[in-house]
Amino acid sequence: MTMVFVLNPHLIIFSTETECSTDLEVCFSLYNKDDVRALFVLVQNPVFAAQSSYTIFAHLLRQIVSLSSMDHQLLVNWFKILEVEKLRMIVRHVMQFITIRQFPPADKSLPPLSKSRWWIPTGTKTLALINAANNSSTPPLLDYTEFYNSALDHMDLMQDYFNWQSPQRPGQFSYCQYPFILSIVAKRIILTKCVRVLYITCLFQIASKQKDLKKKLKVSFVGEPGLDMGGLTKEWFLLLIRQIFHPDYGMFVYHPHSRCYWFSTDQEGNLREYNLIGVLMGLAVYNSIILDLHFPSICYRKLLSPPVVPDVDTADVGNVKAPTVEDLAEIMPDVSRGLTELLAYEGNVEEDMCMSFQVSLEEYGEVKTYKLKESGENIPVNNENRKEYVELYLDWILNAAIYEQFRAFYLGFHSVCASNALIMLRPEEVEMLVCGSPTLDLNELRKVTEYDGYKGDDPIILDFWEVLHSLSDELKKKFLLFATGSDRVPVGGMGEMTFKITKVTNKPDNLPEAHTCFNQLVLPTYENQDLLRQKLIIAISNAEGFGLE
């Protein structure tokens, strides 16, 4: 097979044979200043979906990687304006190219690894350019998960991590240098394996023995027999989260319009408690426990600001630079709209709005007023200074007013999760590690379901799955919350869950019950599918969740 690419001003003929590599170098060297444009056109060719084109594709990618920084920036700008489907096609082609070189076919159709080891770093660095273009687009052209190469979950991830962390061999390639390509499953494996797996037994050890935090958590309840096979640990976390977010503690304020919690501005004295909450979140990550937390996404950005705790105790941590009205909208959408309207107002701000450089905030029924700058109560907001007012308002709500509380929370989380592996994580991935994934796949759940008293092909079980599939997405989430204590699923999907349906007899009029600590549904033997549907919907619609009003 021969591929012909017509470029202005050159006609270049490429052969797919391995021997053409030298000719390729000559062909590429013929380019004039239109080199970058030529490479941009060539990389979009759909022929590179075929493995038979990989020798040529490898040299093309190497030419892209070897461009100057200025030319790379030009490429990034072009990728940003490329049609989304074409950009997605390039990503898929390069991803497949990397995968097949990493896990070569048994037929030895690829060149020997000794002669093509450079293929993988070349392909990955090309993806890095596309990822840079994607991240700098608002909104991103592709979801960040489209850059995941899940096949890499099956390689020796810890060896790759150690290669990345090894100062003895600088410059050697590691996928960890390009974390966008590693899936959340791979990152969880790396993060959790960075510490020893041992045991701790109680909350007091959490507070007093920081060195014991990076150990496997085992829980026992006083007066209750039983070994912790995961259920007791889960129950312990659920009970603690329920108490921590109770209004009586006044540590977090619930915002009903966004259905999320934010740190109270009036709790500087409870820093030890905030620290323990951060510790609990870190322990949940290490013990693969999903927490039913309702924090806005900016919370996880703050947890990675910076991703590794600075050596200096006085260093600034947990602050997000230049927060936006979109960040505030995650917590207080009504206030965010007001600030947006203030910036866009075409009338006389000072006369019409009568505002000063102060902020009034209601927490637990009490309104308090704070100054945004010195003598702020005497400085009117006008058309000229309204942008400064909004910037100070956002920084105060999201950073300054809660700085000490969040700093304690940040240090607690990092006392458990302190690892360079955190550098690889996006805020969305930290949230997923803590709270699980919102993606529900009931077919995956059905595959891992165990039955106690029932069989998988019993009529009532067939009816149960048919009813569950027919529910709305909202009711499906309510079912998951009812049965497991959280409406989100573990990293890796529902296939990694444990779920059991247990038979109960002589109670045909009862509602289904759930033991959330064990992901167990207790299902009576209903006479027909309609009754099963009715009872199930009543049960899941009236279940009490954790962390919600």
Protein backbone atom coordinates (compact mmCIF):
# COMPACT_ATOMS: atom_id res chain seq x y z
CA MET A 1 0.00 0.00 0.00
CA THR A 2 1.18 3.52 -0.84
CA MET A 3 -0.15 6.75 0.63
CA VAL A 4 0.11 10.00 -1.30
CA PHE A 5 -0.20 13.33 0.46
CA VAL A 6 -0.35 16.42 -1.76
CA LEU A 7 0.97 19.50 -0.01
CA ASN A 8 1.65 22.96 -1.30
CA PRO A 9 4.37 23.35 -2.54
CA HIS A 10 5.60 19.72 -2.30
CA LEU A 11 4.38 16.34 -3.48
CA ILE A 12 5.54 13.69 -1.03
CA ILE A 13 5.06 9.97 -1.47
CA PHE A 14 5.28 7.76 1.60
CA SER A 15 5.54 3.98 1.61
CA THR A 16 4.30 2.00 4.61
CA GLU A 17 7.30 -0.32 4.56
CA THR A 18 9.62 -0.19 7.59
CA GLU A 19 12.61 0.47 5.33
CA CYS A 20 11.26 3.88 4.40
CA SER A 21 12.32 5.52 7.65
CA THR A 22 15.46 7.07 6.13
CA ASP A 23 13.50 8.40 3.15
CA LEU A 24 10.96 9.84 5.56
CA GLU A 25 13.64 11.83 7.34
CA VAL A 26 14.73 13.26 3.97
CA CYS A 27 11.15 14.05 2.99
CA PHE A 28 10.44 15.83 6.24
CA SER A 29 13.66 17.80 5.95
CA LEU A 30 12.42 19.25 2.65
CA TYR A 31 9.77 21.28 4.43
CA ASN A 32 10.06 25.04 4.39
CA LYS A 33 8.44 27.34 6.94
CA ASP A 34 5.12 25.66 6.14
CA ASP A 35 6.38 22.61 8.06
CA VAL A 36 4.00 23.12 10.95
CA ARG A 37 0.99 23.48 8.69
CA ALA A 38 2.01 20.37 6.77
CA LEU A 39 2.33 18.31 9.94
CA PHE A 40 -1.01 19.64 11.19
CA VAL A 41 -2.67 18.49 7.97
CA LEU A 42 -0.93 15.09 7.95
CA VAL A 43 -1.79 14.14 11.52
CA GLN A 44 -5.50 14.46 10.67
CA ASN A 45 -5.33 11.74 8.03
CA PRO A 46 -7.72 8.87 8.92
CA VAL A 47 -5.32 6.32 7.44
CA PHE A 48 -3.43 6.37 10.74
CA ALA A 49 -6.19 4.32 12.30
CA ALA A 50 -4.57 1.29 10.65
CA GLN A 51 -1.71 -0.47 12.41
CA SER A 52 -0.01 -0.95 9.04
CA SER A 53 0.63 2.81 8.95
CA TYR A 54 2.34 3.00 12.34
CA THR A 55 5.91 3.22 11.08
CA ILE A 56 5.01 6.35 9.14
CA PHE A 57 2.81 7.64 11.96
CA ALA A 58 5.68 7.29 14.42
CA HIS A 59 7.99 9.43 12.28
CA LEU A 60 5.25 11.99 11.77
CA LEU A 61 4.72 12.27 15.52
CA ARG A 62 8.46 12.53 16.10
CA GLN A 63 8.60 15.49 13.73
CA ILE A 64 5.77 17.14 15.66
CA VAL A 65 7.52 16.60 18.99
CA SER A 66 10.83 17.94 17.68
CA LEU A 67 9.37 21.30 16.66
CA SER A 68 10.43 24.46 18.47
CA SER A 69 8.44 25.84 21.41
CA MET A 70 7.09 28.60 19.20
CA ASP A 71 5.90 26.08 16.62
CA HIS A 72 4.34 23.97 19.38
CA GLN A 73 2.35 27.00 20.50
CA LEU A 74 1.19 27.49 16.92
CA LEU A 75 0.05 23.87 16.80
CA VAL A 76 -1.78 24.25 20.11
CA ASN A 77 -3.67 27.26 18.73
CA TRP A 78 -4.64 25.30 15.64
CA PHE A 79 -5.81 22.32 17.66
CA LYS A 80 -8.06 24.72 19.61
CA ILE A 81 -9.94 25.73 16.46
CA LEU A 82 -10.08 22.27 14.91
CA GLU A 83 -13.49 20.61 14.59
CA VAL A 84 -14.17 18.60 17.73
CA GLU A 85 -14.70 15.32 15.91
CA LYS A 86 -11.42 15.70 14.03
CA LEU A 87 -9.62 16.46 17.28
CA ARG A 88 -11.24 13.42 18.89
CA MET A 89 -10.13 11.28 15.94
CA ILE A 90 -6.49 12.36 16.35
CA VAL A 91 -6.62 11.60 20.08
CA ARG A 92 -8.02 8.13 19.41
CA HIS A 93 -5.46 7.36 16.74
CA VAL A 94 -2.52 8.40 18.95
CA MET A 95 -4.02 6.59 21.95
CA GLN A 96 -4.36 3.36 19.98
CA PHE A 97 -0.83 3.80 18.64
CA ILE A 98 0.50 4.04 22.23
CA THR A 99 -1.57 1.10 23.43
CA ILE A 100 -0.46 -1.26 20.67
CA ARG A 101 3.19 -0.35 21.18
CA GLN A 102 2.82 -0.81 24.97
CA PHE A 103 1.02 -4.16 24.52
CA PRO A 104 2.27 -5.39 21.12
CA PRO A 105 0.39 -8.09 19.17
CA ALA A 106 1.74 -11.63 19.28
CA ASP A 107 2.22 -11.76 15.52
CA LYS A 108 5.33 -9.54 15.77
CA SER A 109 3.90 -7.21 13.14
CA LEU A 110 5.53 -4.21 14.80
CA PRO A 111 9.23 -3.37 14.59
CA PRO A 112 11.33 -4.77 17.47
CA LEU A 113 10.99 -2.85 20.72
CA SER A 114 14.73 -2.11 20.65
CA LYS A 115 14.17 -0.07 17.49
CA SER A 116 10.83 1.53 18.39
CA ARG A 117 11.00 2.23 22.12
CA TRP A 118 10.78 5.93 21.27
CA TRP A 119 7.29 5.51 19.84
CA ILE A 120 5.56 5.70 23.22
CA PRO A 121 7.13 8.95 24.52
CA THR A 122 6.67 10.50 21.08
CA GLY A 123 2.97 9.64 20.98
CA THR A 124 2.44 10.74 24.59
CA LYS A 125 4.17 14.09 24.06
CA THR A 126 1.99 14.70 21.02
CA LEU A 127 -1.08 14.02 23.14
CA ALA A 128 0.30 16.50 25.67
CA LEU A 129 0.10 19.25 23.04
CA ILE A 130 -3.52 18.38 22.27
CA ASN A 131 -4.30 18.19 25.99
CA ALA A 132 -2.80 21.68 26.44
CA ALA A 133 -5.05 22.97 23.67
CA ASN A 134 -8.04 21.30 25.28
CA ASN A 135 -7.33 22.68 28.75
CA SER A 136 -6.87 26.21 27.45
CA SER A 137 -10.24 26.17 25.67
CA THR A 138 -13.33 27.45 27.47
CA PRO A 139 -15.20 25.21 27.68
CA PRO A 140 -12.84 22.31 26.93
CA LEU A 141 -13.35 20.75 23.51
CA LEU A 142 -13.15 17.20 24.90
CA ASP A 143 -13.91 15.81 28.32
CA TYR A 144 -10.68 15.18 30.21
CA THR A 145 -11.60 11.49 30.52
CA GLU A 146 -11.23 11.13 26.73
CA PHE A 147 -7.48 11.40 27.28
CA TYR A 148 -7.52 8.41 29.64
CA ASN A 149 -5.80 5.29 28.35
CA SER A 150 -7.46 2.61 30.46
CA ALA A 151 -5.26 -0.11 28.97
CA LEU A 152 -2.41 1.34 31.06
CA ASP A 153 -4.31 0.28 34.21
CA HIS A 154 -2.86 -3.18 33.57
CA MET A 155 0.81 -2.25 33.41
CA ASP A 156 3.25 -2.06 36.32
CA LEU A 157 2.06 1.32 37.53
CA MET A 158 4.22 1.45 40.63
CA GLN A 159 7.37 0.82 38.60
CA ASP A 160 6.34 3.66 36.31
CA TYR A 161 5.79 5.86 39.39
CA PHE A 162 9.20 4.94 40.84
CA ASN A 163 10.82 5.70 37.49
CA TRP A 164 9.21 9.12 37.66
CA GLN A 165 10.42 9.70 41.20
CA SER A 166 13.93 8.29 40.63
CA PRO A 167 16.61 11.02 40.61
CA GLN A 168 19.23 8.48 39.54
CA ARG A 169 17.87 8.27 36.01
CA PRO A 170 16.89 11.78 34.96
CA GLY A 171 15.18 12.17 31.64
CA GLN A 172 13.77 8.65 31.42
CA PHE A 173 10.19 8.44 30.22
CA SER A 174 7.31 7.80 32.61
CA TYR A 175 3.59 8.01 32.01
CA CYS A 176 3.35 9.73 35.40
CA GLN A 177 5.05 12.72 33.81
CA TYR A 178 1.92 13.04 31.67
CA PRO A 179 -0.85 12.25 34.19
CA PHE A 180 -3.68 13.19 31.84
CA ILE A 181 -3.19 9.81 30.13
CA LEU A 182 -3.60 7.77 33.34
CA SER A 183 -7.17 6.92 34.30
CA ILE A 184 -8.60 7.65 37.73
CA VAL A 185 -8.34 3.91 38.43
CA ALA A 186 -4.60 3.97 37.72
CA LYS A 187 -4.11 7.06 39.86
CA ARG A 188 -6.02 5.50 42.74
CA ILE A 189 -3.81 2.43 42.55
CA ILE A 190 -0.66 4.57 42.66
CA LEU A 191 -1.94 6.82 45.44
CA THR A 192 -3.10 4.04 47.73
CA LYS A 193 0.01 1.93 47.21
CA CYS A 194 2.31 4.79 48.15
CA VAL A 195 1.85 3.91 51.81
CA ARG A 196 1.99 0.78 53.91
CA VAL A 197 -1.18 -1.20 54.53
CA LEU A 198 -1.45 -1.77 58.28
CA TYR A 199 -4.09 -1.25 60.96
CA ILE A 200 -5.46 1.46 63.22
CA THR A 201 -8.44 1.06 65.47
CA CYS A 202 -9.91 4.27 66.83
CA LEU A 203 -10.40 7.99 66.39
CA PHE A 204 -8.02 8.88 69.22
CA GLN A 205 -5.15 7.38 67.26
CA ILE A 206 -6.15 9.66 64.40
CA ALA A 207 -5.74 12.71 66.59
CA SER A 208 -2.63 11.68 68.52
CA LYS A 209 -0.51 9.49 66.24
CA GLN A 210 0.02 11.16 62.89
CA LYS A 211 2.50 8.50 61.83
CA ASP A 212 -0.26 5.88 62.06
CA LEU A 213 -2.60 7.62 59.64
CA LYS A 214 -1.30 5.87 56.55
CA LYS A 215 -2.50 2.46 57.66
CA LYS A 216 -5.50 0.33 56.80
CA LEU A 217 -8.47 1.29 58.96
CA LYS A 218 -10.31 -1.37 60.96
CA VAL A 219 -13.28 -0.47 63.15
CA SER A 220 -15.06 -2.16 66.04
CA PHE A 221 -18.02 -0.81 68.00
CA VAL A 222 -18.05 -1.15 71.78
CA GLY A 223 -20.50 -3.83 72.85
CA GLU A 224 -21.03 -5.12 69.31
CA PRO A 225 -19.31 -8.37 68.26
CA GLY A 226 -18.09 -8.96 64.75
CA LEU A 227 -15.07 -8.57 62.53
CA ASP A 228 -14.76 -5.58 60.26
CA MET A 229 -14.92 -6.88 56.70
CA GLY A 230 -15.63 -3.41 55.35
CA GLY A 231 -19.18 -2.85 56.58
CA LEU A 232 -18.24 -1.51 60.03
CA THR A 233 -15.69 0.88 58.56
CA LYS A 234 -18.29 2.18 56.14
CA GLU A 235 -20.86 2.60 58.91
CA TRP A 236 -18.28 4.44 61.06
CA PHE A 237 -17.62 6.94 58.28
CA LEU A 238 -21.34 7.40 57.58
CA LEU A 239 -22.13 8.09 61.23
CA LEU A 240 -19.25 10.54 61.58
CA ILE A 241 -20.19 12.45 58.43
CA ARG A 242 -23.79 12.68 59.61
CA GLN A 243 -22.68 14.19 62.94
CA ILE A 244 -20.06 16.52 61.47
CA PHE A 245 -22.56 18.19 59.15
CA HIS A 246 -25.30 18.50 61.76
CA PRO A 247 -26.31 22.16 62.22
CA ASP A 248 -25.67 21.90 65.98
CA TYR A 249 -21.94 21.80 65.30
CA GLY A 250 -22.07 24.92 63.15
CA MET A 251 -18.95 23.99 61.20
CA PHE A 252 -20.52 23.92 57.75
CA VAL A 253 -23.36 25.96 56.32
CA TYR A 254 -25.90 24.32 54.01
CA HIS A 255 -26.92 26.34 50.95
CA PRO A 256 -30.28 25.02 49.69
CA HIS A 257 -30.12 26.66 46.24
CA SER A 258 -26.98 24.73 45.36
CA ARG A 259 -27.59 21.77 47.71
CA CYS A 260 -24.03 21.94 48.98
CA TYR A 261 -22.10 22.85 52.13
CA TRP A 262 -19.47 25.50 52.67
CA PHE A 263 -17.21 26.34 55.59
CA SER A 264 -18.64 28.58 58.30
CA THR A 265 -16.92 31.96 58.57
CA ASP A 266 -17.47 32.01 62.34
CA GLN A 267 -15.51 28.96 63.50
CA GLU A 268 -11.88 30.01 63.89
CA GLY A 269 -11.75 28.26 67.28
CA ASN A 270 -12.61 24.81 65.97
CA LEU A 271 -9.45 24.30 63.93
CA ARG A 272 -8.71 20.91 65.48
CA GLU A 273 -12.11 19.64 64.36
CA TYR A 274 -11.58 20.89 60.81
CA ASN A 275 -8.22 19.14 60.80
CA LEU A 276 -9.88 15.87 61.83
CA ILE A 277 -12.43 16.21 59.05
CA GLY A 278 -9.59 16.53 56.56
CA VAL A 279 -8.02 13.45 58.10
CA LEU A 280 -11.29 11.54 57.71
CA MET A 281 -11.47 12.48 54.05
CA GLY A 282 -7.91 11.28 53.53
CA LEU A 283 -8.63 8.02 55.36
CA ALA A 284 -11.69 7.46 53.18
CA VAL A 285 -9.53 7.77 50.06
CA TYR A 286 -7.00 5.26 51.36
CA ASN A 287 -9.69 2.84 52.52
CA SER A 288 -11.77 3.15 49.33
CA ILE A 289 -14.80 4.42 51.25
CA ILE A 290 -17.21 6.68 49.38
CA LEU A 291 -18.27 9.69 51.44
CA ASP A 292 -21.62 11.33 50.82
CA LEU A 293 -20.12 14.82 50.88
CA HIS A 294 -21.69 17.78 49.16
CA PHE A 295 -18.84 20.21 48.71
CA PRO A 296 -18.58 22.43 45.60
CA SER A 297 -15.83 21.60 43.14
CA ILE A 298 -13.78 24.63 44.23
CA CYS A 299 -13.20 22.80 47.53
CA TYR A 300 -11.14 20.19 45.68
CA ARG A 301 -9.24 22.87 43.78
CA LYS A 302 -8.34 24.39 47.13
CA LEU A 303 -7.17 20.98 48.38
CA LEU A 304 -4.67 20.93 45.52
CA SER A 305 -3.45 24.50 46.11
CA PRO A 306 -0.68 23.43 46.19
CA PRO A 307 -0.92 19.63 45.65
CA VAL A 308 2.07 19.03 47.94
CA VAL A 309 2.33 20.76 51.32
CA PRO A 310 5.15 23.36 51.31
CA ASP A 311 8.08 22.86 53.67
CA VAL A 312 7.55 26.25 55.32
CA ASP A 313 4.88 26.19 58.05
CA THR A 314 3.82 29.73 57.27
CA ALA A 315 3.35 29.09 53.54
CA ASP A 316 0.04 30.04 52.00
CA VAL A 317 -2.12 26.97 51.37
CA GLY A 318 -5.68 26.37 50.22
CA ASN A 319 -6.18 29.67 48.41
CA VAL A 320 -7.51 29.76 44.86
CA LYS A 321 -6.06 32.60 42.84
CA ALA A 322 -8.53 34.97 41.19
CA PRO A 323 -11.77 33.11 42.00
CA THR A 324 -14.65 33.83 39.62
CA VAL A 325 -18.39 34.41 39.86
CA GLU A 326 -18.76 30.92 38.35
CA ASP A 327 -16.91 29.52 41.38
CA LEU A 328 -19.28 31.33 43.73
CA ALA A 329 -22.28 30.11 41.72
CA GLU A 330 -21.48 26.56 42.87
CA ILE A 331 -22.28 27.68 46.42
CA MET A 332 -24.45 30.79 46.24
CA PRO A 333 -25.97 31.01 42.74
CA ASP A 334 -28.27 33.87 43.73
CA VAL A 335 -25.37 35.98 45.05
CA SER A 336 -23.31 35.12 41.97
CA ARG A 337 -26.12 36.37 39.72
CA GLY A 338 -26.27 39.58 41.73
CA LEU A 339 -22.56 40.21 41.27
CA THR A 340 -22.81 39.49 37.56
CA GLU A 341 -25.67 41.96 37.24
CA LEU A 342 -23.67 44.53 39.19
CA LEU A 343 -20.79 44.28 36.71
CA ALA A 344 -23.15 44.61 33.74
CA TYR A 345 -25.36 47.39 35.19
CA GLU A 346 -25.59 50.34 32.79
CA GLY A 347 -26.98 52.88 35.24
CA ASN A 348 -25.37 54.76 38.12
CA VAL A 349 -24.23 52.06 40.54
CA GLU A 350 -23.55 54.37 43.48
CA GLU A 351 -26.88 56.18 43.35
CA ASP A 352 -29.08 53.24 42.39
CA MET A 353 -27.62 50.45 44.54
CA CYS A 354 -26.28 52.30 47.60
CA MET A 355 -23.61 49.71 48.38
CA SER A 356 -20.34 49.98 50.27
CA PHE A 357 -17.25 47.78 50.48
CA GLN A 358 -18.88 45.41 52.96
CA VAL A 359 -20.40 41.96 52.75
CA SER A 360 -23.36 40.72 54.79
CA LEU A 361 -23.60 36.96 55.30
CA GLU A 362 -26.31 34.91 56.99
CA GLU A 363 -25.32 31.75 58.85
CA TYR A 364 -27.74 29.79 61.00
CA GLY A 365 -30.28 32.60 60.99
CA GLU A 366 -27.86 35.33 62.05
CA VAL A 367 -26.67 38.05 59.68
CA LYS A 368 -23.19 39.48 60.16
CA THR A 369 -21.48 42.25 58.22
CA TYR A 370 -17.77 42.32 57.39
CA LYS A 371 -15.53 44.94 55.79
CA LEU A 372 -13.87 44.01 52.51
CA LYS A 373 -11.11 46.59 53.00
CA GLU A 374 -10.08 49.12 55.61
CA SER A 375 -12.88 51.67 56.21
CA GLY A 376 -14.94 49.71 53.70
CA GLU A 377 -18.17 50.87 55.32
CA ASN A 378 -17.33 54.41 54.19
CA ILE A 379 -16.33 53.56 50.60
CA PRO A 380 -19.28 53.52 48.18
CA VAL A 381 -19.33 51.07 45.29
CA ASN A 382 -19.53 52.93 41.99
CA ASN A 383 -19.10 52.27 38.30
CA GLU A 384 -15.34 52.76 38.51
CA ASN A 385 -14.57 50.47 41.49
CA ARG A 386 -17.27 47.80 41.14
CA LYS A 387 -14.85 45.33 39.56
CA GLU A 388 -12.55 45.69 42.58
CA TYR A 389 -15.56 45.19 44.86
CA VAL A 390 -16.52 41.94 43.10
CA GLU A 391 -12.92 40.65 43.21
CA LEU A 392 -12.65 41.40 46.95
CA TYR A 393 -16.09 39.86 47.58
CA LEU A 394 -15.16 36.61 45.80
CA ASP A 395 -11.78 36.37 47.50
CA TRP A 396 -13.35 37.00 50.90
CA ILE A 397 -16.07 34.34 50.58
CA LEU A 398 -13.91 31.68 48.93
CA ASN A 399 -10.53 32.35 50.55
CA ALA A 400 -9.99 34.98 53.24
CA ALA A 401 -13.04 34.46 55.49
CA ILE A 402 -12.40 30.73 55.84
CA TYR A 403 -8.63 30.69 55.52
CA GLU A 404 -7.75 29.24 58.95
CA GLN A 405 -10.59 26.71 58.83
CA PHE A 406 -9.66 25.49 55.38
CA ARG A 407 -5.95 25.48 56.18
CA ALA A 408 -6.60 23.09 59.07
CA PHE A 409 -8.81 20.96 56.79
CA TYR A 410 -6.13 21.01 54.05
CA LEU A 411 -3.36 19.94 56.44
CA GLY A 412 -5.53 17.15 57.84
CA PHE A 413 -6.19 15.73 54.38
CA HIS A 414 -2.54 15.97 53.38
CA SER A 415 -1.37 14.37 56.65
CA VAL A 416 -2.86 11.16 55.23
CA CYS A 417 -2.57 11.70 51.49
CA ALA A 418 0.83 13.39 51.43
CA SER A 419 2.36 11.99 48.25
CA ASN A 420 3.81 13.30 45.04
CA ALA A 421 1.10 11.23 43.38
CA LEU A 422 -1.30 14.09 44.21
CA ILE A 423 0.52 16.19 41.63
CA MET A 424 -1.00 13.93 38.98
CA LEU A 425 -4.60 14.53 40.06
CA ARG A 426 -7.11 17.02 38.75
CA PRO A 427 -9.59 18.50 41.28
CA GLU A 428 -12.37 16.51 39.60
CA GLU A 429 -10.38 13.33 40.20
CA VAL A 430 -9.86 14.12 43.88
CA GLU A 431 -13.62 14.60 44.19
CA MET A 432 -14.18 11.26 42.45
CA LEU A 433 -11.77 9.49 44.81
CA VAL A 434 -13.60 10.95 47.80
CA CYS A 435 -17.21 10.84 46.61
CA GLY A 436 -17.21 8.24 43.85
CA SER A 437 -18.53 8.53 40.30
CA PRO A 438 -22.02 9.75 39.35
CA THR A 439 -22.21 7.31 36.42
CA LEU A 440 -24.67 4.46 37.02
CA ASP A 441 -24.48 1.21 35.06
CA LEU A 442 -27.10 -1.20 36.39
CA ASN A 443 -25.92 -3.97 34.08
CA GLU A 444 -22.54 -3.89 35.81
CA LEU A 445 -24.25 -3.96 39.21
CA ARG A 446 -26.35 -6.95 38.17
CA LYS A 447 -23.25 -8.90 37.16
CA VAL A 448 -21.72 -8.63 40.65
CA THR A 449 -24.96 -9.12 42.62
CA GLU A 450 -25.11 -12.04 45.04
CA TYR A 451 -28.36 -13.64 46.19
CA ASP A 452 -29.31 -14.98 49.61
CA GLY A 453 -32.48 -17.09 49.47
CA TYR A 454 -33.10 -16.14 45.87
CA LYS A 455 -31.63 -17.22 42.56
CA GLY A 456 -30.73 -14.93 39.71
CA ASP A 457 -33.45 -16.37 37.46
CA ASP A 458 -36.29 -16.32 40.03
CA PRO A 459 -39.33 -14.44 38.66
CA ILE A 460 -39.22 -11.82 41.43
CA ILE A 461 -35.54 -11.13 40.73
CA LEU A 462 -36.22 -10.77 37.00
CA ASP A 463 -39.08 -8.40 37.89
CA PHE A 464 -36.81 -6.45 40.24
CA TRP A 465 -34.19 -5.72 37.58
CA GLU A 466 -36.86 -4.87 35.01
CA VAL A 467 -38.43 -2.39 37.45
CA LEU A 468 -35.07 -0.89 38.39
CA HIS A 469 -34.10 -0.35 34.74
CA SER A 470 -37.42 1.36 34.05
CA LEU A 471 -36.98 3.99 36.77
CA SER A 472 -35.95 7.56 36.03
CA ASP A 473 -32.32 8.55 36.56
CA GLU A 474 -33.34 10.42 39.70
CA LEU A 475 -35.04 7.36 41.19
CA LYS A 476 -32.10 5.15 40.22
CA LYS A 477 -29.84 7.44 42.24
CA LYS A 478 -32.30 7.33 45.11
CA PHE A 479 -32.21 3.54 44.96
CA LEU A 480 -28.42 3.54 45.13
CA LEU A 481 -28.56 5.96 48.07
CA PHE A 482 -31.15 3.76 49.77
CA ALA A 483 -29.19 0.54 49.27
CA THR A 484 -25.60 1.74 49.79
CA GLY A 485 -25.73 5.06 51.66
CA SER A 486 -24.46 7.03 48.65
CA ASP A 487 -25.85 7.86 45.23
CA ARG A 488 -22.39 7.57 43.69
CA VAL A 489 -20.36 4.51 42.73
CA PRO A 490 -16.73 3.59 43.42
CA VAL A 491 -13.90 4.60 41.15
CA GLY A 492 -13.74 1.90 38.51
CA GLY A 493 -17.51 1.58 38.19
CA MET A 494 -20.31 -0.49 39.67
CA GLY A 495 -18.47 -3.66 38.71
CA GLU A 496 -16.19 -3.03 41.69
CA MET A 497 -19.10 -2.88 44.13
CA THR A 498 -20.47 -5.65 46.30
CA PHE A 499 -24.26 -5.97 46.34
CA LYS A 500 -26.55 -8.61 47.82
CA ILE A 501 -30.31 -9.20 47.58
CA THR A 502 -31.66 -11.17 50.53
CA LYS A 503 -35.00 -12.96 50.68
CA VAL A 504 -37.43 -12.35 53.53
CA THR A 505 -40.57 -14.45 53.89
CA ASN A 506 -43.85 -13.98 55.76
CA LYS A 507 -43.70 -10.19 55.28
CA PRO A 508 -45.42 -9.65 51.91
CA ASP A 509 -46.81 -6.23 52.92
CA ASN A 510 -43.52 -4.78 54.18
CA LEU A 511 -41.40 -2.31 52.27
CA PRO A 512 -37.94 -3.36 51.06
CA GLU A 513 -35.22 -2.71 53.63
CA ALA A 514 -31.54 -1.95 53.22
CA HIS A 515 -28.39 -2.51 55.25
CA THR A 516 -26.24 0.23 53.76
CA CYS A 517 -23.12 -0.88 55.60
CA PHE A 518 -23.12 -4.09 53.60
CA ASN A 519 -24.80 -2.89 50.36
CA GLN A 520 -27.60 -5.33 51.10
CA LEU A 521 -31.22 -5.11 49.95
CA VAL A 522 -33.81 -7.13 51.89
CA LEU A 523 -36.59 -7.90 49.41
CA PRO A 524 -39.94 -9.45 50.43
CA THR A 525 -41.60 -11.96 48.10
CA TYR A 526 -44.17 -9.73 46.43
CA GLU A 527 -47.01 -11.30 44.46
CA ASN A 528 -46.47 -9.35 41.24
CA GLN A 529 -44.31 -6.77 39.52
CA ASP A 530 -46.74 -3.90 40.07
CA LEU A 531 -46.67 -4.39 43.83
CA LEU A 532 -42.88 -4.67 43.78
CA ARG A 533 -42.63 -1.41 41.86
CA GLN A 534 -44.99 0.36 44.24
CA LYS A 535 -43.21 -0.80 47.39
CA LEU A 536 -39.73 -0.14 46.00
CA ILE A 537 -40.54 3.42 44.93
CA ILE A 538 -42.11 4.21 48.31
CA ALA A 539 -39.03 2.88 50.10
CA ILE A 540 -36.41 4.67 48.03
CA SER A 541 -38.37 7.94 47.87
CA ASN A 542 -38.62 8.23 51.62
CA ALA A 543 -35.17 7.05 52.64
CA GLU A 544 -33.00 9.46 54.59
CA GLY A 545 -29.66 10.34 53.01
CA PHE A 546 -26.52 11.52 54.73
CA GLY A 547 -25.48 15.14 54.56
CA LEU A 548 -28.74 16.51 53.12
CA GLU A 549 -31.60 18.43 54.70
